[in-house]
Amino acid sequence: MDDAGRRVTLFWYSQTGNSFSCAERAGKSLEKSGCEVTISYVLNPTDNSYDADLFLFVFPAMQFYVPSPVKNFINNMPRQSTAKKALAIITCAGAPANVPSVLKRMLSEKNIDLANHLIIRSRNSWIFLTKIIPLPMNTKKPDEKSFLRVESFIQKNTINGVRKKLTIFNPLSLFHWIGVYGESAPETELKKLYGDRIFIKEDCTDCNFCVALCPSGAITRTEEIHYNDDLCIGCCGCMNVCPTNAWQCSKIGLENFYKGINVKRMAAATGRLRHTPT
């Protein structure tokens, strides 16, 4: 990347902190490479998010597809007046399916070319899924080795320019079509798997992590926490990030949900946290 191409915007989305942790390491690596970095949460983008020469997207593959908050964000992005390039770091527990190809198609409509991507293995946010489908996963990932891969990826694509990587769409991928079905299925179908959301007010410590990280606005706060079931998309992120298990669901026990990593920093980084927890 030459001197005229050192403005990079890092767009991130994360449910349990896996992708956020990769985004943190990527941001530091970009700065070390001499880039001017803007870090922007997709649900709260900054005003200068699009004033960049290179975009970096960091997010998890969810149900073998691009997560709906990222998809909605890209759909609402302004089309770039000049052609630009993008990189992507995608975390996933199992098969990434055709997520890179789907992302490339979405970005192409905005005059952005997804030039290269990196897949980082991570633990699944929903343990129960692994009881149904045995996924190749490690509960300790992403680990330091994963973050070193992130650093290497950034360095290789900034020091001597962006490296082009072939992205191939596989129409025979069963996981892709499962993801397509999940993306098109009514959100009520996903919520049926988990049952009703239960909020135990007495266990809430007012950390506001759930408010900051809820991707659909189903959880809000005025003087107290409010939940709108009509807005819930069934991601179960509230159960992944709540430190006191104040959020639960009626059909799946808490033992089936991993607690997120670096949640305090992640919630603060969204720019939507009412106060920084002590």
C-alpha atoms as a PDB file:
ATOM      1  CA  MET A   1       0.000   0.000   0.000  1.00  0.00           C
ATOM      2  CA  ASP A   2       1.513   3.376  -0.983  1.00  0.00           C
ATOM      3  CA  ASP A   3       1.336   6.676   0.935  1.00  0.00           C
ATOM      4  CA  ALA A   4      -1.952   7.588  -0.739  1.00  0.00           C
ATOM      5  CA  GLY A   5      -3.612   4.410   0.402  1.00  0.00           C
ATOM      6  CA  ARG A   6      -3.075   4.365   4.121  1.00  0.00           C
ATOM      7  CA  ARG A   7      -6.537   5.342   5.323  1.00  0.00           C
ATOM      8  CA  VAL A   8      -8.253   2.178   6.488  1.00  0.00           C
ATOM      9  CA  THR A   9     -11.702   1.778   8.027  1.00  0.00           C
ATOM     10  CA  LEU A  10     -12.216  -1.337  10.103  1.00  0.00           C
ATOM     11  CA  PHE A  11     -15.883  -2.320  10.339  1.00  0.00           C
ATOM     12  CA  TRP A  12     -16.609  -4.906  13.041  1.00  0.00           C
ATOM     13  CA  TYR A  13     -19.500  -6.914  14.398  1.00  0.00           C
ATOM     14  CA  SER A  14     -19.268  -9.483  17.181  1.00  0.00           C
ATOM     15  CA  GLN A  15     -21.679 -11.427  19.366  1.00  0.00           C
ATOM     16  CA  THR A  16     -19.416 -13.170  21.862  1.00  0.00           C
ATOM     17  CA  GLY A  17     -16.160 -11.255  21.515  1.00  0.00           C
ATOM     18  CA  ASN A  18     -14.329 -13.658  19.199  1.00  0.00           C
ATOM     19  CA  SER A  19     -14.509 -11.346  16.194  1.00  0.00           C
ATOM     20  CA  PHE A  20     -14.037  -8.250  18.346  1.00  0.00           C
ATOM     21  CA  SER A  21     -10.797  -9.675  19.750  1.00  0.00           C
ATOM     22  CA  CYS A  22      -9.573 -10.282  16.190  1.00  0.00           C
ATOM     23  CA  ALA A  23     -10.629  -6.737  15.253  1.00  0.00           C
ATOM     24  CA  GLU A  24      -8.629  -5.320  18.161  1.00  0.00           C
ATOM     25  CA  ARG A  25      -5.497  -7.148  17.072  1.00  0.00           C
ATOM     26  CA  ALA A  26      -6.054  -6.203  13.422  1.00  0.00           C
ATOM     27  CA  GLY A  27      -6.468  -2.534  14.336  1.00  0.00           C
ATOM     28  CA  LYS A  28      -3.199  -2.504  16.288  1.00  0.00           C
ATOM     29  CA  SER A  29      -1.410  -4.268  13.440  1.00  0.00           C
ATOM     30  CA  LEU A  30      -2.723  -1.717  10.921  1.00  0.00           C
ATOM     31  CA  GLU A  31      -1.442   1.132  13.069  1.00  0.00           C
ATOM     32  CA  LYS A  32       1.969  -0.536  13.341  1.00  0.00           C
ATOM     33  CA  SER A  33       2.015  -0.753   9.546  1.00  0.00           C
ATOM     34  CA  GLY A  34       1.659   3.018   9.379  1.00  0.00           C
ATOM     35  CA  CYS A  35      -2.024   3.125   8.439  1.00  0.00           C
ATOM     36  CA  GLU A  36      -4.450   5.794   9.591  1.00  0.00           C
ATOM     37  CA  VAL A  37      -7.178   3.621  11.119  1.00  0.00           C
ATOM     38  CA  THR A  38     -10.835   4.355  11.791  1.00  0.00           C
ATOM     39  CA  ILE A  39     -12.609   1.644  13.785  1.00  0.00           C
ATOM     40  CA  SER A  40     -16.368   1.544  13.359  1.00  0.00           C
ATOM     41  CA  TYR A  41     -19.052  -0.718  14.840  1.00  0.00           C
ATOM     42  CA  VAL A  42     -21.530  -1.630  12.099  1.00  0.00           C
ATOM     43  CA  LEU A  43     -24.520  -0.750  14.283  1.00  0.00           C
ATOM     44  CA  ASN A  44     -23.060   2.645  15.152  1.00  0.00           C
ATOM     45  CA  PRO A  45     -20.834   3.775  12.250  1.00  0.00           C
ATOM     46  CA  THR A  46     -18.802   6.943  12.591  1.00  0.00           C
ATOM     47  CA  ASP A  47     -19.321   9.932  10.301  1.00  0.00           C
ATOM     48  CA  ASN A  48     -16.018   9.411   8.484  1.00  0.00           C
ATOM     49  CA  SER A  49     -16.373   5.636   8.119  1.00  0.00           C
ATOM     50  CA  TYR A  50     -16.430   5.723   4.332  1.00  0.00           C
ATOM     51  CA  ASP A  51     -13.578   8.200   3.884  1.00  0.00           C
ATOM     52  CA  ALA A  52     -10.960   5.494   3.412  1.00  0.00           C
ATOM     53  CA  ASP A  53      -8.845   3.869   0.752  1.00  0.00           C
ATOM     54  CA  LEU A  54      -9.276   0.351   2.105  1.00  0.00           C
ATOM     55  CA  PHE A  55     -12.019  -1.330   4.114  1.00  0.00           C
ATOM     56  CA  LEU A  56     -11.559  -4.211   6.540  1.00  0.00           C
ATOM     57  CA  PHE A  57     -14.594  -6.196   7.670  1.00  0.00           C
ATOM     58  CA  VAL A  58     -14.355  -8.389  10.780  1.00  0.00           C
ATOM     59  CA  PHE A  59     -17.366 -10.489  11.773  1.00  0.00           C
ATOM     60  CA  PRO A  60     -18.501 -14.050  12.556  1.00  0.00           C
ATOM     61  CA  ALA A  61     -20.194 -16.443  10.162  1.00  0.00           C
ATOM     62  CA  MET A  62     -23.590 -17.064  11.759  1.00  0.00           C
ATOM     63  CA  GLN A  63     -25.709 -20.030  10.709  1.00  0.00           C
ATOM     64  CA  PHE A  64     -23.278 -20.458   7.772  1.00  0.00           C
ATOM     65  CA  TYR A  65     -24.114 -17.015   6.382  1.00  0.00           C
ATOM     66  CA  VAL A  66     -23.257 -13.333   6.663  1.00  0.00           C
ATOM     67  CA  PRO A  67     -24.946 -12.161   9.893  1.00  0.00           C
ATOM     68  CA  SER A  68     -27.992  -9.980   9.316  1.00  0.00           C
ATOM     69  CA  PRO A  69     -26.529  -6.863  11.037  1.00  0.00           C
ATOM     70  CA  VAL A  70     -23.550  -6.949   8.656  1.00  0.00           C
ATOM     71  CA  LYS A  71     -25.761  -7.636   5.655  1.00  0.00           C
ATOM     72  CA  ASN A  72     -28.067  -4.738   6.562  1.00  0.00           C
ATOM     73  CA  PHE A  73     -25.101  -2.443   7.120  1.00  0.00           C
ATOM     74  CA  ILE A  74     -23.634  -3.216   3.687  1.00  0.00           C
ATOM     75  CA  ASN A  75     -27.019  -2.817   2.019  1.00  0.00           C
ATOM     76  CA  ASN A  76     -27.241   0.680   3.512  1.00  0.00           C
ATOM     77  CA  MET A  77     -23.670   1.654   2.611  1.00  0.00           C
ATOM     78  CA  PRO A  78     -23.390   4.403  -0.007  1.00  0.00           C
ATOM     79  CA  ARG A  79     -22.028   3.204  -3.313  1.00  0.00           C
ATOM     80  CA  GLN A  80     -18.411   4.328  -3.575  1.00  0.00           C
ATOM     81  CA  SER A  81     -17.767   6.911  -6.293  1.00  0.00           C
ATOM     82  CA  THR A  82     -14.379   5.322  -7.025  1.00  0.00           C
ATOM     83  CA  ALA A  83     -13.533   1.630  -6.938  1.00  0.00           C
ATOM     84  CA  LYS A  84     -12.113   0.502  -3.592  1.00  0.00           C
ATOM     85  CA  LYS A  85     -10.746  -2.697  -2.125  1.00  0.00           C
ATOM     86  CA  ALA A  86     -11.675  -4.579   1.006  1.00  0.00           C
ATOM     87  CA  LEU A  87     -10.276  -7.288   3.230  1.00  0.00           C
ATOM     88  CA  ALA A  88     -12.250  -9.546   5.549  1.00  0.00           C
ATOM     89  CA  ILE A  89     -11.511 -11.553   8.678  1.00  0.00           C
ATOM     90  CA  ILE A  90     -14.284 -14.060   9.324  1.00  0.00           C
ATOM     91  CA  THR A  91     -14.508 -16.120  12.500  1.00  0.00           C
ATOM     92  CA  CYS A  92     -16.393 -19.391  12.523  1.00  0.00           C
ATOM     93  CA  ALA A  93     -16.678 -22.570  14.559  1.00  0.00           C
ATOM     94  CA  GLY A  94     -17.476 -24.912  11.692  1.00  0.00           C
ATOM     95  CA  ALA A  95     -17.754 -24.562   7.935  1.00  0.00           C
ATOM     96  CA  PRO A  96     -17.469 -21.015   6.570  1.00  0.00           C
ATOM     97  CA  ALA A  97     -19.609 -22.274   3.666  1.00  0.00           C
ATOM     98  CA  ASN A  98     -19.788 -19.563   0.985  1.00  0.00           C
ATOM     99  CA  VAL A  99     -19.633 -16.588   3.346  1.00  0.00           C
ATOM    100  CA  PRO A 100     -16.611 -14.988   1.555  1.00  0.00           C
ATOM    101  CA  SER A 101     -18.348 -15.337  -1.815  1.00  0.00           C
ATOM    102  CA  VAL A 102     -21.604 -13.901  -0.500  1.00  0.00           C
ATOM    103  CA  LEU A 103     -19.723 -10.991   1.063  1.00  0.00           C
ATOM    104  CA  LYS A 104     -17.844 -10.371  -2.192  1.00  0.00           C
ATOM    105  CA  ARG A 105     -21.112 -10.189  -4.127  1.00  0.00           C
ATOM    106  CA  MET A 106     -22.654  -7.794  -1.581  1.00  0.00           C
ATOM    107  CA  LEU A 107     -19.649  -5.478  -1.651  1.00  0.00           C
ATOM    108  CA  SER A 108     -19.405  -5.496  -5.448  1.00  0.00           C
ATOM    109  CA  GLU A 109     -22.778  -3.741  -5.549  1.00  0.00           C
ATOM    110  CA  LYS A 110     -21.138  -0.900  -3.621  1.00  0.00           C
ATOM    111  CA  ASN A 111     -18.159  -0.678  -6.017  1.00  0.00           C
ATOM    112  CA  ILE A 112     -15.940  -2.443  -3.475  1.00  0.00           C
ATOM    113  CA  ASP A 113     -13.822  -5.453  -4.381  1.00  0.00           C
ATOM    114  CA  LEU A 114     -13.246  -8.047  -1.650  1.00  0.00           C
ATOM    115  CA  ALA A 115      -9.642  -8.751  -2.560  1.00  0.00           C
ATOM    116  CA  ASN A 116      -8.610 -11.103   0.242  1.00  0.00           C
ATOM    117  CA  HIS A 117     -10.030 -12.805   3.305  1.00  0.00           C
ATOM    118  CA  LEU A 118      -8.915 -14.822   6.316  1.00  0.00           C
ATOM    119  CA  ILE A 119     -10.860 -17.508   8.177  1.00  0.00           C
ATOM    120  CA  ILE A 120     -10.203 -17.755  11.923  1.00  0.00           C
ATOM    121  CA  ARG A 121     -11.488 -20.746  13.863  1.00  0.00           C
ATOM    122  CA  SER A 122     -13.365 -19.877  17.043  1.00  0.00           C
ATOM    123  CA  ARG A 123     -15.579 -21.506  19.609  1.00  0.00           C
ATOM    124  CA  ASN A 124     -19.304 -21.645  18.957  1.00  0.00           C
ATOM    125  CA  SER A 125     -21.565 -19.297  20.868  1.00  0.00           C
ATOM    126  CA  TRP A 126     -24.170 -22.048  21.213  1.00  0.00           C
ATOM    127  CA  ILE A 127     -22.812 -25.255  22.721  1.00  0.00           C
ATOM    128  CA  PHE A 128     -26.055 -27.124  22.113  1.00  0.00           C
ATOM    129  CA  LEU A 129     -25.447 -26.963  18.347  1.00  0.00           C
ATOM    130  CA  THR A 130     -22.383 -29.141  18.723  1.00  0.00           C
ATOM    131  CA  LYS A 131     -24.560 -31.802  20.330  1.00  0.00           C
ATOM    132  CA  ILE A 132     -26.570 -31.994  17.115  1.00  0.00           C
ATOM    133  CA  ILE A 133     -23.802 -31.457  14.547  1.00  0.00           C
ATOM    134  CA  PRO A 134     -20.264 -32.473  15.584  1.00  0.00           C
ATOM    135  CA  LEU A 135     -18.278 -29.416  14.517  1.00  0.00           C
ATOM    136  CA  PRO A 136     -14.478 -29.254  14.380  1.00  0.00           C
ATOM    137  CA  MET A 137     -13.973 -26.634  17.054  1.00  0.00           C
ATOM    138  CA  ASN A 138     -11.732 -25.776  19.963  1.00  0.00           C
ATOM    139  CA  THR A 139     -13.230 -24.084  23.005  1.00  0.00           C
ATOM    140  CA  LYS A 140      -9.997 -22.140  23.551  1.00  0.00           C
ATOM    141  CA  LYS A 141     -10.006 -20.447  20.158  1.00  0.00           C
ATOM    142  CA  PRO A 142      -9.337 -17.799  19.082  1.00  0.00           C
ATOM    143  CA  ASP A 143      -5.975 -18.099  20.835  1.00  0.00           C
ATOM    144  CA  GLU A 144      -2.642 -16.323  20.516  1.00  0.00           C
ATOM    145  CA  LYS A 145      -1.806 -18.392  17.434  1.00  0.00           C
ATOM    146  CA  SER A 146      -5.042 -17.150  15.871  1.00  0.00           C
ATOM    147  CA  PHE A 147      -4.134 -13.536  16.614  1.00  0.00           C
ATOM    148  CA  LEU A 148      -0.677 -14.007  15.111  1.00  0.00           C
ATOM    149  CA  ARG A 149      -2.388 -15.181  11.915  1.00  0.00           C
ATOM    150  CA  VAL A 150      -4.445 -11.981  12.001  1.00  0.00           C
ATOM    151  CA  GLU A 151      -1.284  -9.896  12.358  1.00  0.00           C
ATOM    152  CA  SER A 152       0.418 -11.771   9.518  1.00  0.00           C
ATOM    153  CA  PHE A 153      -2.623 -11.292   7.271  1.00  0.00           C
ATOM    154  CA  ILE A 154      -2.648  -7.548   7.916  1.00  0.00           C
ATOM    155  CA  GLN A 155       1.080  -7.176   7.357  1.00  0.00           C
ATOM    156  CA  LYS A 156       1.035  -9.121   4.094  1.00  0.00           C
ATOM    157  CA  ASN A 157      -1.796  -6.957   2.751  1.00  0.00           C
ATOM    158  CA  THR A 158      -0.464  -3.552   3.789  1.00  0.00           C
ATOM    159  CA  ILE A 159       3.323  -3.560   3.521  1.00  0.00           C
ATOM    160  CA  ASN A 160       3.535  -4.491  -0.172  1.00  0.00           C
ATOM    161  CA  GLY A 161      -0.051  -3.821  -1.217  1.00  0.00           C
ATOM    162  CA  VAL A 162      -3.226  -5.879  -1.050  1.00  0.00           C
ATOM    163  CA  ARG A 163      -2.763  -9.441  -2.203  1.00  0.00           C
ATOM    164  CA  LYS A 164      -5.482 -10.856  -4.415  1.00  0.00           C
ATOM    165  CA  LYS A 165      -7.073 -14.128  -3.300  1.00  0.00           C
ATOM    166  CA  LEU A 166      -9.446 -16.142  -5.440  1.00  0.00           C
ATOM    167  CA  THR A 167     -12.911 -16.493  -3.923  1.00  0.00           C
ATOM    168  CA  ILE A 168     -14.861 -19.441  -5.291  1.00  0.00           C
ATOM    169  CA  PHE A 169     -18.590 -19.993  -4.849  1.00  0.00           C
ATOM    170  CA  ASN A 170     -19.461 -23.633  -4.233  1.00  0.00           C
ATOM    171  CA  PRO A 171     -23.086 -24.316  -5.253  1.00  0.00           C
ATOM    172  CA  LEU A 172     -22.817 -27.861  -3.833  1.00  0.00           C
ATOM    173  CA  SER A 173     -22.148 -26.671  -0.278  1.00  0.00           C
ATOM    174  CA  LEU A 174     -24.922 -28.031   1.936  1.00  0.00           C
ATOM    175  CA  PHE A 175     -23.958 -25.570   4.666  1.00  0.00           C
ATOM    176  CA  HIS A 176     -24.458 -22.666   2.253  1.00  0.00           C
ATOM    177  CA  TRP A 177     -28.027 -23.676   1.505  1.00  0.00           C
ATOM    178  CA  ILE A 178     -28.715 -24.213   5.209  1.00  0.00           C
ATOM    179  CA  GLY A 179     -27.508 -20.652   5.672  1.00  0.00           C
ATOM    180  CA  VAL A 180     -29.684 -19.382   2.826  1.00  0.00           C
ATOM    181  CA  TYR A 181     -32.714 -21.083   4.354  1.00  0.00           C
ATOM    182  CA  GLY A 182     -31.897 -19.678   7.788  1.00  0.00           C
ATOM    183  CA  GLU A 183     -31.511 -16.208   6.321  1.00  0.00           C
ATOM    184  CA  SER A 184     -34.889 -16.377   4.560  1.00  0.00           C
ATOM    185  CA  ALA A 185     -36.800 -18.210   7.300  1.00  0.00           C
ATOM    186  CA  PRO A 186     -38.985 -16.100   9.602  1.00  0.00           C
ATOM    187  CA  GLU A 187     -37.153 -14.982  12.729  1.00  0.00           C
ATOM    188  CA  THR A 188     -39.909 -16.582  14.783  1.00  0.00           C
ATOM    189  CA  GLU A 189     -38.691 -20.009  13.623  1.00  0.00           C
ATOM    190  CA  LEU A 190     -35.267 -19.474  15.161  1.00  0.00           C
ATOM    191  CA  LYS A 191     -36.754 -18.163  18.392  1.00  0.00           C
ATOM    192  CA  LYS A 192     -38.922 -21.256  18.694  1.00  0.00           C
ATOM    193  CA  LEU A 193     -35.771 -23.343  19.158  1.00  0.00           C
ATOM    194  CA  TYR A 194     -34.897 -21.404  22.290  1.00  0.00           C
ATOM    195  CA  GLY A 195     -38.323 -20.622  23.700  1.00  0.00           C
ATOM    196  CA  ASP A 196     -39.365 -17.438  25.451  1.00  0.00           C
ATOM    197  CA  ARG A 197     -36.814 -14.865  26.599  1.00  0.00           C
ATOM    198  CA  ILE A 198     -36.708 -14.498  30.365  1.00  0.00           C
ATOM    199  CA  PHE A 199     -35.226 -11.449  32.071  1.00  0.00           C
ATOM    200  CA  ILE A 200     -34.552 -11.805  35.796  1.00  0.00           C
ATOM    201  CA  LYS A 201     -34.498  -8.213  36.996  1.00  0.00           C
ATOM    202  CA  GLU A 202     -33.199  -9.142  40.443  1.00  0.00           C
ATOM    203  CA  ASP A 203     -30.003 -10.597  38.929  1.00  0.00           C
ATOM    204  CA  CYS A 204     -29.272  -7.562  36.720  1.00  0.00           C
ATOM    205  CA  THR A 205     -26.258  -5.469  37.756  1.00  0.00           C
ATOM    206  CA  ASP A 206     -26.977  -2.608  35.327  1.00  0.00           C
ATOM    207  CA  CYS A 207     -23.827  -3.255  33.285  1.00  0.00           C
ATOM    208  CA  ASN A 208     -25.845  -2.477  30.119  1.00  0.00           C
ATOM    209  CA  PHE A 209     -23.832  -4.924  28.017  1.00  0.00           C
ATOM    210  CA  CYS A 210     -27.038  -6.390  26.576  1.00  0.00           C
ATOM    211  CA  VAL A 211     -28.342  -2.945  25.613  1.00  0.00           C
ATOM    212  CA  ALA A 212     -25.098  -1.965  23.878  1.00  0.00           C
ATOM    213  CA  LEU A 213     -24.731  -5.255  21.998  1.00  0.00           C
ATOM    214  CA  CYS A 214     -28.301  -6.212  21.054  1.00  0.00           C
ATOM    215  CA  PRO A 215     -28.226  -6.055  17.223  1.00  0.00           C
ATOM    216  CA  SER A 216     -31.946  -5.502  16.715  1.00  0.00           C
ATOM    217  CA  GLY A 217     -32.827  -2.970  19.408  1.00  0.00           C
ATOM    218  CA  ALA A 218     -34.990  -5.522  21.196  1.00  0.00           C
ATOM    219  CA  ILE A 219     -33.281  -4.641  24.487  1.00  0.00           C
ATOM    220  CA  THR A 220     -33.377  -0.987  25.478  1.00  0.00           C
ATOM    221  CA  ARG A 221     -33.072   1.021  28.653  1.00  0.00           C
ATOM    222  CA  THR A 222     -34.650   4.148  30.052  1.00  0.00           C
ATOM    223  CA  GLU A 223     -34.762   3.939  33.831  1.00  0.00           C
ATOM    224  CA  GLU A 224     -34.738   0.146  33.594  1.00  0.00           C
ATOM    225  CA  ILE A 225     -34.245  -2.634  31.053  1.00  0.00           C
ATOM    226  CA  HIS A 226     -37.042  -3.128  28.506  1.00  0.00           C
ATOM    227  CA  TYR A 227     -37.455  -6.077  26.141  1.00  0.00           C
ATOM    228  CA  ASN A 228     -39.494  -6.085  22.911  1.00  0.00           C
ATOM    229  CA  ASP A 229     -40.027  -9.647  21.707  1.00  0.00           C
ATOM    230  CA  ASP A 230     -41.289  -8.423  18.336  1.00  0.00           C
ATOM    231  CA  LEU A 231     -37.842  -6.996  17.581  1.00  0.00           C
ATOM    232  CA  CYS A 232     -35.820  -9.970  18.839  1.00  0.00           C
ATOM    233  CA  ILE A 233     -34.031 -11.915  16.070  1.00  0.00           C
ATOM    234  CA  GLY A 234     -33.164 -14.884  18.288  1.00  0.00           C
ATOM    235  CA  CYS A 235     -29.381 -14.460  18.233  1.00  0.00           C
ATOM    236  CA  CYS A 236     -29.090 -15.185  21.984  1.00  0.00           C
ATOM    237  CA  GLY A 237     -26.255 -12.702  22.286  1.00  0.00           C
ATOM    238  CA  CYS A 238     -27.802 -11.394  25.497  1.00  0.00           C
ATOM    239  CA  MET A 239     -27.109 -14.752  27.133  1.00  0.00           C
ATOM    240  CA  ASN A 240     -23.565 -14.814  25.790  1.00  0.00           C
ATOM    241  CA  VAL A 241     -22.663 -11.420  27.271  1.00  0.00           C
ATOM    242  CA  CYS A 242     -24.648 -11.173  30.515  1.00  0.00           C
ATOM    243  CA  PRO A 243     -22.187 -11.719  33.410  1.00  0.00           C
ATOM    244  CA  THR A 244     -24.871 -12.684  35.929  1.00  0.00           C
ATOM    245  CA  ASN A 245     -27.212 -14.845  33.785  1.00  0.00           C
ATOM    246  CA  ALA A 246     -30.032 -12.339  34.106  1.00  0.00           C
ATOM    247  CA  TRP A 247     -31.030 -13.293  30.540  1.00  0.00           C
ATOM    248  CA  GLN A 248     -32.281 -16.829  29.979  1.00  0.00           C
ATOM    249  CA  CYS A 249     -34.587 -18.725  27.655  1.00  0.00           C
ATOM    250  CA  SER A 250     -37.237 -21.279  28.458  1.00  0.00           C
ATOM    251  CA  LYS A 251     -36.135 -24.239  26.302  1.00  0.00           C
ATOM    252  CA  ILE A 252     -32.325 -24.214  26.344  1.00  0.00           C
ATOM    253  CA  GLY A 253     -30.388 -24.202  29.618  1.00  0.00           C
ATOM    254  CA  LEU A 254     -27.613 -21.732  30.373  1.00  0.00           C
ATOM    255  CA  GLU A 255     -25.068 -24.547  30.326  1.00  0.00           C
ATOM    256  CA  ASN A 256     -25.465 -24.553  26.538  1.00  0.00           C
ATOM    257  CA  PHE A 257     -24.170 -21.006  26.060  1.00  0.00           C
ATOM    258  CA  TYR A 258     -20.576 -19.857  26.161  1.00  0.00           C
ATOM    259  CA  LYS A 259     -19.824 -16.639  27.965  1.00  0.00           C
ATOM    260  CA  GLY A 260     -18.169 -14.125  25.680  1.00  0.00           C
ATOM    261  CA  ILE A 261     -14.579 -12.933  25.906  1.00  0.00           C
ATOM    262  CA  ASN A 262     -13.497  -9.320  26.400  1.00  0.00           C
ATOM    263  CA  VAL A 263     -17.166  -8.353  26.728  1.00  0.00           C
ATOM    264  CA  LYS A 264     -16.518  -5.234  28.824  1.00  0.00           C
ATOM    265  CA  ARG A 265     -14.151  -3.775  26.212  1.00  0.00           C
ATOM    266  CA  MET A 266     -16.422  -4.875  23.380  1.00  0.00           C
ATOM    267  CA  ALA A 267     -19.493  -3.168  24.864  1.00  0.00           C
ATOM    268  CA  ALA A 268     -17.527   0.034  25.442  1.00  0.00           C
ATOM    269  CA  ALA A 269     -16.186  -0.060  21.860  1.00  0.00           C
ATOM    270  CA  THR A 270     -19.712  -0.030  20.392  1.00  0.00           C
ATOM    271  CA  GLY A 271     -20.167   3.580  21.471  1.00  0.00           C
ATOM    272  CA  ARG A 272     -23.630   2.586  22.695  1.00  0.00           C
ATOM    273  CA  LEU A 273     -22.814   1.928  26.348  1.00  0.00           C
ATOM    274  CA  ARG A 274     -24.596   4.382  28.629  1.00  0.00           C
ATOM    275  CA  HIS A 275     -21.786   4.260  31.140  1.00  0.00           C
ATOM    276  CA  THR A 276     -18.509   2.401  31.441  1.00  0.00           C
ATOM    277  CA  PRO A 277     -18.886  -0.325  34.071  1.00  0.00           C
ATOM    278  CA  THR A 278     -16.430  -0.246  36.922  1.00  0.00           C
END
